[in-house]
Every structure is written in structure tokens, then in C-alpha cells.
Amino acid sequence: MGATTTTNMPGPHSVPRWILTAVIGRHPRWTLIRLAVLVLGTWVVFNYVLTPPMQVYGISMEPTFHDGQKIYLISRVAKKPQRGDVVRIRWRQTDGVRYVKRVLGLPGETIAFVKGRLYINNQPQDEPYVKTDCDWNMPPKLLGPDEYYVSGDNRGMAFDEHWHRAVSLQQIEGKVLFRGNS
């Protein structure tokens, strides 16, 4: 006579089959491959396509962005900024300081401010995002082949107190895509 033993350990059939199928799929090997592709794809997107979220400090971009507001999605793949785009700038390679500014001038253009009005190639520009009176004056400046002129939207600030300048394409880290509520 053979002896039989029983254990109280749950066997593979103690979990309903539909739960196993929902968790690991009908073909576990393909599920593992899909999971690996998903993890790798997510890593690539968040390391090479999007930048980490950031918080706005200061009032230079008001009323578009407010002090303390969060910016959640900044695309690194939007490499050639267009006039009017809001971008994140890395001013110096070493200090880690980032700015959020609007692109006003494109490579090869001449930019000037006359009595608060923006001129590109001697043509006045409509800037619907500027909501404050401005008295800025700046003589014409020719942008180089790799330069973009950026500034904040709060033109009520004094010209000398505002961060605005020509930056290279390499300093532009990406275009702002999504922001949180103020």
C-alpha cells in the first residue's frame, strides 16, 4: 500500500483561472516582453522626451504664469521654437537655474522695443499675451543664426529688472505643454 500525503499549501489551481489570465495573460512570455517594452518606453519618454516638472518663481511671466505655479510637461523634442512659444531656458551649464520665457525673435531677425511696442524686422508685432502697459525701449538687435530672443510676458516690470535676452538653441530645453492651475 502506498502512502498518500496532503499538504495545506495552495496549489496552482487554487486561484481562479480568469484571475491568472487577467494578471499574466494567456501567454506569460509575451506579457513579460510587453512589460519590458512598456518600462523601457516609459524610461525613454521621461528621460529624453519630457523634462521633469518645475515650479515658477517670480512674476516675470504674469499673467500667463504666476509665482508658485507648477509646469508639468515640457517637451524636449520640440526643437525649433516658433514665435510665441513658451520655453524653458537653461541659462548657464553649471548653475542649474532654469527660466520660463516666451520666444519673441527668431534667428536672423532684427528685434527692437520702441515705447513698449515689440518690432521684428521694423514691423510692429501683436502680442495678445501682454496685459500690462510697457515703456521699454531697446535699439534694434540683429539675432545670430542660432539665436532666439526671449522675454517674460509681464512688461510692466522695468526693462533693467526683467530677464530678457538672446539665447542659443542649445540653451532651450523644451516647449511648455501643460501647466497646473495657479
N, C-alpha and C. Protein backbone atom coordinates (compact mmCIF):
# COMPACT_ATOMS: atom_id res chain seq x y z
N MET A 1 0.83 -1.16 0.00
CA MET A 1 0.00 0.00 0.00
C MET A 1 0.88 1.23 0.00
N GLY A 2 0.55 2.09 -0.86
CA GLY A 2 1.29 3.34 -0.93
C GLY A 2 0.69 4.37 -0.01
N ALA A 3 1.55 5.16 0.53
CA ALA A 3 1.08 6.21 1.42
C ALA A 3 0.82 7.47 0.60
N THR A 4 -0.23 8.17 0.91
CA THR A 4 -0.52 9.45 0.26
C THR A 4 -0.37 10.54 1.29
N THR A 5 0.13 11.68 0.81
CA THR A 5 0.29 12.81 1.71
C THR A 5 -0.51 13.98 1.17
N THR A 6 -0.98 14.78 2.05
CA THR A 6 -1.67 16.00 1.65
C THR A 6 -1.03 17.17 2.39
N THR A 7 -1.03 18.29 1.73
CA THR A 7 -0.50 19.49 2.38
C THR A 7 -1.58 20.56 2.38
N ASN A 8 -1.39 21.52 3.23
CA ASN A 8 -2.32 22.64 3.30
C ASN A 8 -1.88 23.79 2.39
N MET A 9 -0.84 23.60 1.62
CA MET A 9 -0.33 24.64 0.71
C MET A 9 -1.28 24.76 -0.48
N PRO A 10 -1.58 26.01 -0.88
CA PRO A 10 -2.46 26.17 -2.05
C PRO A 10 -1.73 25.72 -3.30
N GLY A 11 -2.41 25.06 -4.13
CA GLY A 11 -1.83 24.59 -5.39
C GLY A 11 -2.10 25.58 -6.50
N PRO A 12 -1.59 25.31 -7.70
CA PRO A 12 -1.76 26.25 -8.81
C PRO A 12 -3.22 26.41 -9.20
N HIS A 13 -4.03 25.50 -8.79
CA HIS A 13 -5.44 25.59 -9.19
C HIS A 13 -6.30 26.25 -8.12
N SER A 14 -5.67 26.76 -7.04
CA SER A 14 -6.46 27.40 -6.00
C SER A 14 -6.88 28.82 -6.41
N VAL A 15 -6.17 29.44 -7.35
CA VAL A 15 -6.53 30.77 -7.86
C VAL A 15 -7.36 30.56 -9.12
N PRO A 16 -8.51 31.21 -9.21
CA PRO A 16 -9.33 31.02 -10.42
C PRO A 16 -8.54 31.37 -11.69
N ARG A 17 -8.74 30.61 -12.70
CA ARG A 17 -8.02 30.76 -13.97
C ARG A 17 -8.19 32.16 -14.57
N TRP A 18 -9.37 32.75 -14.46
CA TRP A 18 -9.62 34.06 -15.05
C TRP A 18 -8.76 35.14 -14.40
N ILE A 19 -8.43 34.98 -13.09
CA ILE A 19 -7.56 35.95 -12.42
C ILE A 19 -6.13 35.82 -12.95
N LEU A 20 -5.66 34.60 -13.10
CA LEU A 20 -4.32 34.38 -13.66
C LEU A 20 -4.23 34.96 -15.07
N THR A 21 -5.25 34.74 -15.86
CA THR A 21 -5.26 35.27 -17.23
C THR A 21 -5.26 36.79 -17.22
N ALA A 22 -6.02 37.40 -16.31
CA ALA A 22 -6.06 38.87 -16.23
C ALA A 22 -4.72 39.44 -15.80
N VAL A 23 -4.00 38.76 -14.92
CA VAL A 23 -2.75 39.27 -14.38
C VAL A 23 -1.57 39.01 -15.31
N ILE A 24 -1.44 37.79 -15.81
CA ILE A 24 -0.25 37.47 -16.62
C ILE A 24 -0.58 37.19 -18.08
N GLY A 25 -1.84 37.22 -18.45
CA GLY A 25 -2.22 37.00 -19.84
C GLY A 25 -2.27 35.52 -20.18
N ARG A 26 -2.63 35.22 -21.40
CA ARG A 26 -2.72 33.83 -21.85
C ARG A 26 -1.34 33.26 -22.17
N HIS A 27 -0.42 34.18 -22.48
CA HIS A 27 0.94 33.78 -22.85
C HIS A 27 1.93 34.56 -21.98
N PRO A 28 2.33 34.03 -20.83
CA PRO A 28 3.18 34.77 -19.89
C PRO A 28 4.47 35.32 -20.52
N ARG A 29 5.06 34.62 -21.45
CA ARG A 29 6.30 35.10 -22.07
C ARG A 29 6.03 36.41 -22.82
N TRP A 30 4.95 36.50 -23.58
CA TRP A 30 4.62 37.74 -24.31
C TRP A 30 4.24 38.85 -23.34
N THR A 31 3.60 38.50 -22.24
CA THR A 31 3.28 39.51 -21.23
C THR A 31 4.55 40.10 -20.64
N LEU A 32 5.54 39.27 -20.38
CA LEU A 32 6.82 39.76 -19.86
C LEU A 32 7.52 40.65 -20.88
N ILE A 33 7.47 40.29 -22.14
CA ILE A 33 8.08 41.12 -23.20
C ILE A 33 7.36 42.46 -23.29
N ARG A 34 6.02 42.45 -23.27
CA ARG A 34 5.26 43.70 -23.31
C ARG A 34 5.58 44.59 -22.11
N LEU A 35 5.71 43.98 -20.94
CA LEU A 35 6.05 44.73 -19.73
C LEU A 35 7.43 45.38 -19.87
N ALA A 36 8.39 44.63 -20.38
CA ALA A 36 9.75 45.17 -20.58
C ALA A 36 9.73 46.33 -21.56
N VAL A 37 8.98 46.21 -22.65
CA VAL A 37 8.87 47.29 -23.63
C VAL A 37 8.19 48.51 -23.01
N LEU A 38 7.16 48.31 -22.21
CA LEU A 38 6.47 49.41 -21.54
C LEU A 38 7.40 50.13 -20.57
N VAL A 39 8.16 49.39 -19.78
CA VAL A 39 9.09 50.00 -18.83
C VAL A 39 10.17 50.78 -19.57
N LEU A 40 10.75 50.19 -20.60
CA LEU A 40 11.79 50.86 -21.39
C LEU A 40 11.24 52.10 -22.08
N GLY A 41 10.05 51.99 -22.67
CA GLY A 41 9.43 53.13 -23.34
C GLY A 41 9.14 54.27 -22.38
N THR A 42 8.64 53.94 -21.20
CA THR A 42 8.38 54.96 -20.19
C THR A 42 9.67 55.64 -19.77
N TRP A 43 10.72 54.88 -19.57
CA TRP A 43 12.02 55.45 -19.19
C TRP A 43 12.53 56.40 -20.28
N VAL A 44 12.43 56.00 -21.54
CA VAL A 44 12.89 56.86 -22.65
C VAL A 44 12.08 58.14 -22.69
N VAL A 45 10.77 58.06 -22.59
CA VAL A 45 9.92 59.25 -22.66
C VAL A 45 10.26 60.23 -21.54
N PHE A 46 10.40 59.73 -20.31
CA PHE A 46 10.63 60.64 -19.20
C PHE A 46 12.09 61.07 -19.04
N ASN A 47 12.99 60.46 -19.79
CA ASN A 47 14.39 60.89 -19.72
C ASN A 47 14.86 61.63 -20.96
N TYR A 48 14.20 61.41 -22.11
CA TYR A 48 14.69 62.02 -23.34
C TYR A 48 13.65 62.84 -24.08
N VAL A 49 12.37 62.69 -23.76
CA VAL A 49 11.33 63.43 -24.47
C VAL A 49 10.76 64.54 -23.60
N LEU A 50 10.51 64.27 -22.34
CA LEU A 50 9.93 65.25 -21.42
C LEU A 50 10.95 65.59 -20.34
N THR A 51 10.87 66.82 -19.84
CA THR A 51 11.73 67.21 -18.72
C THR A 51 10.93 67.08 -17.43
N PRO A 52 11.60 67.04 -16.29
CA PRO A 52 10.87 66.96 -15.02
C PRO A 52 10.02 68.20 -14.79
N PRO A 53 8.96 68.08 -14.00
CA PRO A 53 8.14 69.24 -13.67
C PRO A 53 8.97 70.33 -12.98
N MET A 54 8.50 71.55 -13.06
CA MET A 54 9.19 72.65 -12.40
C MET A 54 8.16 73.61 -11.81
N GLN A 55 8.63 74.46 -10.93
CA GLN A 55 7.76 75.47 -10.32
C GLN A 55 8.24 76.84 -10.74
N VAL A 56 7.29 77.73 -11.02
CA VAL A 56 7.59 79.09 -11.43
C VAL A 56 7.88 79.92 -10.17
N TYR A 57 8.97 80.68 -10.23
CA TYR A 57 9.32 81.61 -9.16
C TYR A 57 9.38 83.01 -9.75
N GLY A 58 8.67 83.94 -9.14
CA GLY A 58 8.69 85.32 -9.61
C GLY A 58 7.48 85.67 -10.45
N ILE A 59 7.47 86.94 -10.89
CA ILE A 59 6.30 87.49 -11.58
C ILE A 59 6.58 87.87 -13.03
N SER A 60 7.73 87.52 -13.56
CA SER A 60 8.10 88.00 -14.89
C SER A 60 7.24 87.42 -16.01
N MET A 61 6.54 86.31 -15.77
CA MET A 61 5.70 85.72 -16.82
C MET A 61 4.21 85.97 -16.58
N GLU A 62 3.87 86.81 -15.60
CA GLU A 62 2.45 87.10 -15.37
C GLU A 62 1.90 87.89 -16.54
N PRO A 63 0.66 87.71 -16.91
CA PRO A 63 -0.37 86.90 -16.28
C PRO A 63 -0.41 85.45 -16.77
N THR A 64 0.47 85.07 -17.69
CA THR A 64 0.45 83.71 -18.22
C THR A 64 0.77 82.68 -17.15
N PHE A 65 1.82 82.92 -16.37
CA PHE A 65 2.21 82.04 -15.27
C PHE A 65 2.36 82.89 -14.01
N HIS A 66 1.99 82.31 -12.88
CA HIS A 66 2.05 83.02 -11.61
C HIS A 66 3.10 82.41 -10.69
N ASP A 67 3.60 83.20 -9.77
CA ASP A 67 4.57 82.72 -8.79
C ASP A 67 4.00 81.51 -8.06
N GLY A 68 4.77 80.43 -8.04
CA GLY A 68 4.35 79.20 -7.36
C GLY A 68 3.63 78.21 -8.24
N GLN A 69 3.26 78.59 -9.43
CA GLN A 69 2.53 77.71 -10.33
C GLN A 69 3.45 76.58 -10.82
N LYS A 70 2.89 75.40 -11.01
CA LYS A 70 3.66 74.25 -11.48
C LYS A 70 3.49 74.07 -12.99
N ILE A 71 4.60 73.70 -13.61
CA ILE A 71 4.59 73.34 -15.03
C ILE A 71 4.92 71.86 -15.08
N TYR A 72 4.00 71.06 -15.63
CA TYR A 72 4.13 69.61 -15.56
C TYR A 72 4.77 68.97 -16.78
N LEU A 73 4.47 69.45 -17.96
CA LEU A 73 5.03 68.82 -19.16
C LEU A 73 5.80 69.82 -19.99
N ILE A 74 7.05 69.51 -20.23
CA ILE A 74 7.90 70.32 -21.09
C ILE A 74 8.52 69.35 -22.09
N SER A 75 8.24 69.55 -23.36
CA SER A 75 8.70 68.64 -24.40
C SER A 75 10.10 69.01 -24.87
N ARG A 76 11.00 68.05 -24.83
CA ARG A 76 12.35 68.26 -25.35
C ARG A 76 12.42 68.09 -26.85
N VAL A 77 11.45 67.41 -27.44
CA VAL A 77 11.52 67.13 -28.88
C VAL A 77 11.08 68.30 -29.74
N ALA A 78 10.42 69.29 -29.17
CA ALA A 78 10.03 70.49 -29.92
C ALA A 78 11.27 71.36 -30.05
N LYS A 79 12.17 71.00 -30.96
CA LYS A 79 13.48 71.63 -31.02
C LYS A 79 13.50 73.00 -31.66
N LYS A 80 12.74 73.25 -32.66
CA LYS A 80 12.76 74.55 -33.34
C LYS A 80 11.60 75.40 -32.83
N PRO A 81 11.87 76.23 -31.82
CA PRO A 81 10.78 77.04 -31.27
C PRO A 81 10.26 78.05 -32.30
N GLN A 82 9.00 78.36 -32.17
CA GLN A 82 8.35 79.35 -33.01
C GLN A 82 8.05 80.59 -32.18
N ARG A 83 7.85 81.72 -32.84
CA ARG A 83 7.49 82.94 -32.13
C ARG A 83 6.21 82.70 -31.33
N GLY A 84 6.22 83.12 -30.09
CA GLY A 84 5.06 82.95 -29.22
C GLY A 84 5.11 81.71 -28.34
N ASP A 85 5.99 80.76 -28.65
CA ASP A 85 6.11 79.57 -27.81
C ASP A 85 6.66 79.95 -26.44
N VAL A 86 6.18 79.27 -25.41
CA VAL A 86 6.75 79.41 -24.08
C VAL A 86 7.72 78.25 -23.90
N VAL A 87 8.96 78.60 -23.54
CA VAL A 87 10.02 77.59 -23.47
C VAL A 87 10.73 77.64 -22.13
N ARG A 88 11.41 76.55 -21.82
CA ARG A 88 12.26 76.50 -20.62
C ARG A 88 13.70 76.69 -21.08
N ILE A 89 14.38 77.62 -20.41
CA ILE A 89 15.75 78.00 -20.76
C ILE A 89 16.72 77.57 -19.67
N ARG A 90 17.83 77.01 -20.05
CA ARG A 90 18.94 76.76 -19.12
C ARG A 90 19.96 77.85 -19.42
N TRP A 91 20.08 78.83 -18.51
CA TRP A 91 20.93 79.98 -18.78
C TRP A 91 22.40 79.59 -18.79
N ARG A 92 22.87 78.97 -17.74
CA ARG A 92 24.28 78.55 -17.66
C ARG A 92 24.34 77.04 -17.46
N GLN A 93 25.34 76.43 -18.02
CA GLN A 93 25.51 74.98 -17.92
C GLN A 93 25.72 74.54 -16.47
N THR A 94 26.34 75.38 -15.67
CA THR A 94 26.80 74.95 -14.35
C THR A 94 25.88 75.27 -13.20
N ASP A 95 25.04 76.29 -13.29
CA ASP A 95 24.31 76.71 -12.09
C ASP A 95 22.96 76.04 -11.89
N GLY A 96 22.44 75.35 -12.88
CA GLY A 96 21.16 74.66 -12.73
C GLY A 96 19.94 75.56 -12.74
N VAL A 97 20.12 76.87 -12.96
CA VAL A 97 18.98 77.79 -12.98
C VAL A 97 18.24 77.64 -14.31
N ARG A 98 16.91 77.56 -14.21
CA ARG A 98 16.05 77.45 -15.40
C ARG A 98 15.08 78.62 -15.39
N TYR A 99 14.75 79.11 -16.58
CA TYR A 99 13.79 80.19 -16.74
C TYR A 99 12.69 79.74 -17.69
N VAL A 100 11.49 80.25 -17.47
CA VAL A 100 10.38 80.06 -18.40
C VAL A 100 10.16 81.40 -19.08
N LYS A 101 10.29 81.44 -20.40
CA LYS A 101 10.17 82.69 -21.15
C LYS A 101 9.44 82.43 -22.46
N ARG A 102 9.01 83.53 -23.08
CA ARG A 102 8.33 83.46 -24.37
C ARG A 102 9.31 83.81 -25.48
N VAL A 103 9.25 83.07 -26.57
CA VAL A 103 10.11 83.34 -27.73
C VAL A 103 9.51 84.52 -28.50
N LEU A 104 10.31 85.58 -28.66
CA LEU A 104 9.87 86.77 -29.40
C LEU A 104 10.55 86.88 -30.76
N GLY A 105 11.86 86.64 -30.79
CA GLY A 105 12.62 86.80 -32.03
C GLY A 105 13.26 85.50 -32.45
N LEU A 106 13.31 85.27 -33.76
CA LEU A 106 13.87 84.04 -34.33
C LEU A 106 15.22 84.34 -34.99
N PRO A 107 16.02 83.31 -35.24
CA PRO A 107 17.35 83.52 -35.84
C PRO A 107 17.29 84.38 -37.10
N GLY A 108 18.24 85.33 -37.17
CA GLY A 108 18.36 86.20 -38.34
C GLY A 108 17.45 87.40 -38.35
N GLU A 109 16.56 87.51 -37.37
CA GLU A 109 15.64 88.65 -37.32
C GLU A 109 16.26 89.80 -36.54
N THR A 110 15.72 90.99 -36.77
CA THR A 110 16.11 92.17 -36.01
C THR A 110 14.96 92.49 -35.06
N ILE A 111 15.30 92.61 -33.78
CA ILE A 111 14.28 92.84 -32.76
C ILE A 111 14.55 94.18 -32.08
N ALA A 112 13.48 94.91 -31.75
CA ALA A 112 13.60 96.19 -31.06
C ALA A 112 12.34 96.43 -30.25
N PHE A 113 12.47 97.29 -29.23
CA PHE A 113 11.32 97.78 -28.48
C PHE A 113 11.32 99.30 -28.62
N VAL A 114 10.16 99.85 -28.99
CA VAL A 114 10.00 101.30 -29.12
C VAL A 114 8.74 101.68 -28.34
N LYS A 115 8.95 102.46 -27.26
CA LYS A 115 7.84 102.88 -26.40
C LYS A 115 6.96 101.70 -26.00
N GLY A 116 7.61 100.59 -25.67
CA GLY A 116 6.90 99.42 -25.20
C GLY A 116 6.38 98.49 -26.27
N ARG A 117 6.50 98.84 -27.49
CA ARG A 117 5.99 98.02 -28.59
C ARG A 117 7.12 97.18 -29.17
N LEU A 118 6.86 95.90 -29.41
CA LEU A 118 7.84 95.00 -30.00
C LEU A 118 7.84 95.14 -31.51
N TYR A 119 9.04 95.30 -32.07
CA TYR A 119 9.20 95.36 -33.53
C TYR A 119 10.12 94.23 -33.97
N ILE A 120 9.69 93.50 -34.98
CA ILE A 120 10.50 92.46 -35.61
C ILE A 120 10.71 92.89 -37.05
N ASN A 121 11.99 93.04 -37.44
CA ASN A 121 12.32 93.49 -38.79
C ASN A 121 11.54 94.77 -39.15
N ASN A 122 11.50 95.71 -38.21
CA ASN A 122 10.84 97.01 -38.36
C ASN A 122 9.33 96.93 -38.49
N GLN A 123 8.73 95.80 -38.16
CA GLN A 123 7.28 95.63 -38.22
C GLN A 123 6.73 95.47 -36.80
N PRO A 124 5.74 96.30 -36.41
CA PRO A 124 5.16 96.15 -35.06
C PRO A 124 4.47 94.79 -34.94
N GLN A 125 4.56 94.23 -33.75
CA GLN A 125 4.00 92.90 -33.51
C GLN A 125 2.81 92.96 -32.56
N ASP A 126 1.82 92.14 -32.84
CA ASP A 126 0.68 92.00 -31.94
C ASP A 126 1.06 90.96 -30.88
N GLU A 127 0.94 91.33 -29.62
CA GLU A 127 1.27 90.43 -28.52
C GLU A 127 0.08 90.33 -27.56
N PRO A 128 -0.88 89.46 -27.86
CA PRO A 128 -2.09 89.37 -27.04
C PRO A 128 -1.83 88.90 -25.62
N TYR A 129 -0.70 88.28 -25.37
CA TYR A 129 -0.38 87.77 -24.04
C TYR A 129 0.15 88.87 -23.11
N VAL A 130 0.51 90.04 -23.64
CA VAL A 130 0.98 91.16 -22.82
C VAL A 130 -0.24 91.94 -22.35
N LYS A 131 -0.42 92.01 -21.05
CA LYS A 131 -1.62 92.65 -20.48
C LYS A 131 -1.31 93.93 -19.71
N THR A 132 -0.03 94.27 -19.54
CA THR A 132 0.32 95.46 -18.78
C THR A 132 0.97 96.51 -19.70
N ASP A 133 0.82 97.77 -19.31
CA ASP A 133 1.46 98.84 -20.07
C ASP A 133 2.97 98.68 -19.98
N CYS A 134 3.64 99.10 -21.04
CA CYS A 134 5.08 98.92 -21.12
C CYS A 134 5.72 100.18 -21.68
N ASP A 135 6.89 100.51 -21.16
CA ASP A 135 7.60 101.67 -21.69
C ASP A 135 9.01 101.28 -22.14
N TRP A 136 9.20 100.01 -22.47
CA TRP A 136 10.53 99.53 -22.84
C TRP A 136 11.02 100.19 -24.12
N ASN A 137 12.31 100.47 -24.16
CA ASN A 137 12.99 100.93 -25.37
C ASN A 137 14.29 100.15 -25.49
N MET A 138 14.52 99.60 -26.66
CA MET A 138 15.75 98.88 -26.94
C MET A 138 16.09 99.09 -28.41
N PRO A 139 17.31 99.52 -28.70
CA PRO A 139 17.67 99.71 -30.10
C PRO A 139 17.64 98.38 -30.85
N PRO A 140 17.54 98.43 -32.16
CA PRO A 140 17.48 97.19 -32.94
C PRO A 140 18.68 96.29 -32.66
N LYS A 141 18.39 95.00 -32.54
CA LYS A 141 19.42 93.99 -32.30
C LYS A 141 19.22 92.88 -33.32
N LEU A 142 20.26 92.61 -34.08
CA LEU A 142 20.23 91.53 -35.08
C LEU A 142 20.58 90.22 -34.39
N LEU A 143 19.70 89.25 -34.50
CA LEU A 143 19.94 87.94 -33.90
C LEU A 143 20.81 87.10 -34.82
N GLY A 144 21.71 86.33 -34.23
CA GLY A 144 22.59 85.45 -34.99
C GLY A 144 21.85 84.26 -35.56
N PRO A 145 22.54 83.41 -36.33
CA PRO A 145 21.90 82.27 -36.98
C PRO A 145 21.39 81.20 -36.00
N ASP A 146 21.84 81.25 -34.75
CA ASP A 146 21.41 80.27 -33.75
C ASP A 146 20.83 80.96 -32.52
N GLU A 147 20.35 82.21 -32.67
CA GLU A 147 19.86 82.95 -31.52
C GLU A 147 18.35 83.16 -31.56
N TYR A 148 17.74 83.07 -30.39
CA TYR A 148 16.32 83.33 -30.19
C TYR A 148 16.23 84.39 -29.10
N TYR A 149 15.39 85.39 -29.30
CA TYR A 149 15.21 86.42 -28.27
C TYR A 149 14.02 86.02 -27.42
N VAL A 150 14.22 85.96 -26.09
CA VAL A 150 13.17 85.54 -25.17
C VAL A 150 12.94 86.62 -24.12
N SER A 151 11.71 86.67 -23.63
CA SER A 151 11.35 87.62 -22.58
C SER A 151 10.12 87.10 -21.86
N GLY A 152 9.84 87.68 -20.70
CA GLY A 152 8.63 87.35 -19.98
C GLY A 152 7.45 88.16 -20.49
N ASP A 153 6.27 87.79 -20.07
CA ASP A 153 5.05 88.47 -20.51
C ASP A 153 4.72 89.70 -19.66
N ASN A 154 5.30 89.83 -18.48
CA ASN A 154 5.00 90.94 -17.59
C ASN A 154 5.84 92.15 -17.99
N ARG A 155 5.36 92.91 -18.93
CA ARG A 155 6.12 94.06 -19.42
C ARG A 155 5.95 95.28 -18.54
N GLY A 156 5.17 95.16 -17.48
CA GLY A 156 5.05 96.26 -16.53
C GLY A 156 6.30 96.40 -15.67
N MET A 157 7.13 95.38 -15.67
CA MET A 157 8.40 95.45 -14.93
C MET A 157 9.36 96.35 -15.68
N ALA A 158 10.26 96.99 -14.96
CA ALA A 158 11.26 97.85 -15.59
C ALA A 158 12.15 97.01 -16.50
N PHE A 159 12.55 97.57 -17.62
CA PHE A 159 13.37 96.88 -18.61
C PHE A 159 14.63 96.29 -17.97
N ASP A 160 15.27 97.06 -17.10
CA ASP A 160 16.53 96.62 -16.48
C ASP A 160 16.33 95.53 -15.42
N GLU A 161 15.11 95.37 -14.93
CA GLU A 161 14.84 94.36 -13.89
C GLU A 161 14.30 93.06 -14.47
N HIS A 162 14.11 93.02 -15.75
CA HIS A 162 13.50 91.88 -16.41
C HIS A 162 14.57 91.02 -17.07
N TRP A 163 14.41 89.70 -17.00
CA TRP A 163 15.35 88.77 -17.66
C TRP A 163 14.87 88.58 -19.09
N HIS A 164 15.57 89.18 -20.03
CA HIS A 164 15.25 89.07 -21.45
C HIS A 164 16.55 89.15 -22.21
N ARG A 165 16.71 88.31 -23.20
CA ARG A 165 17.98 88.29 -23.94
C ARG A 165 17.93 87.29 -25.07
N ALA A 166 19.00 87.30 -25.85
CA ALA A 166 19.17 86.31 -26.91
C ALA A 166 19.80 85.06 -26.30
N VAL A 167 19.25 83.90 -26.64
CA VAL A 167 19.79 82.62 -26.17
C VAL A 167 19.99 81.72 -27.38
N SER A 168 20.89 80.77 -27.23
CA SER A 168 21.12 79.81 -28.32
C SER A 168 20.11 78.68 -28.26
N LEU A 169 19.97 77.97 -29.34
CA LEU A 169 19.07 76.83 -29.39
C LEU A 169 19.46 75.77 -28.35
N GLN A 170 20.76 75.63 -28.08
CA GLN A 170 21.22 74.66 -27.10
C GLN A 170 20.76 75.01 -25.68
N GLN A 171 20.48 76.26 -25.42
CA GLN A 171 20.03 76.67 -24.09
C GLN A 171 18.52 76.44 -23.90
N ILE A 172 17.81 76.24 -24.98
CA ILE A 172 16.37 76.00 -24.90
C ILE A 172 16.14 74.51 -24.66
N GLU A 173 15.63 74.19 -23.48
CA GLU A 173 15.46 72.78 -23.11
C GLU A 173 14.16 72.18 -23.64
N GLY A 174 13.18 72.99 -23.91
CA GLY A 174 11.94 72.44 -24.42
C GLY A 174 10.80 73.42 -24.36
N LYS A 175 9.70 73.01 -24.96
CA LYS A 175 8.49 73.83 -25.04
C LYS A 175 7.51 73.40 -23.95
N VAL A 176 6.92 74.37 -23.27
CA VAL A 176 5.94 74.09 -22.23
C VAL A 176 4.66 73.58 -22.90
N LEU A 177 4.19 72.41 -22.43
CA LEU A 177 2.97 71.81 -22.99
C LEU A 177 1.79 71.84 -22.04
N PHE A 178 2.06 71.70 -20.74
CA PHE A 178 0.94 71.61 -19.78
C PHE A 178 1.38 72.22 -18.46
N ARG A 179 0.48 72.99 -17.87
CA ARG A 179 0.75 73.62 -16.59
C ARG A 179 -0.40 73.39 -15.65
N GLY A 180 -0.10 73.50 -14.36
CA GLY A 180 -1.13 73.36 -13.35
C GLY A 180 -1.88 74.67 -13.15
N ASN A 181 -2.95 74.60 -12.39
CA ASN A 181 -3.70 75.82 -12.07
C ASN A 181 -2.88 76.69 -11.14
N SER A 182 -3.13 77.99 -11.23
CA SER A 182 -2.38 78.91 -10.37
C SER A 182 -2.91 78.91 -8.97
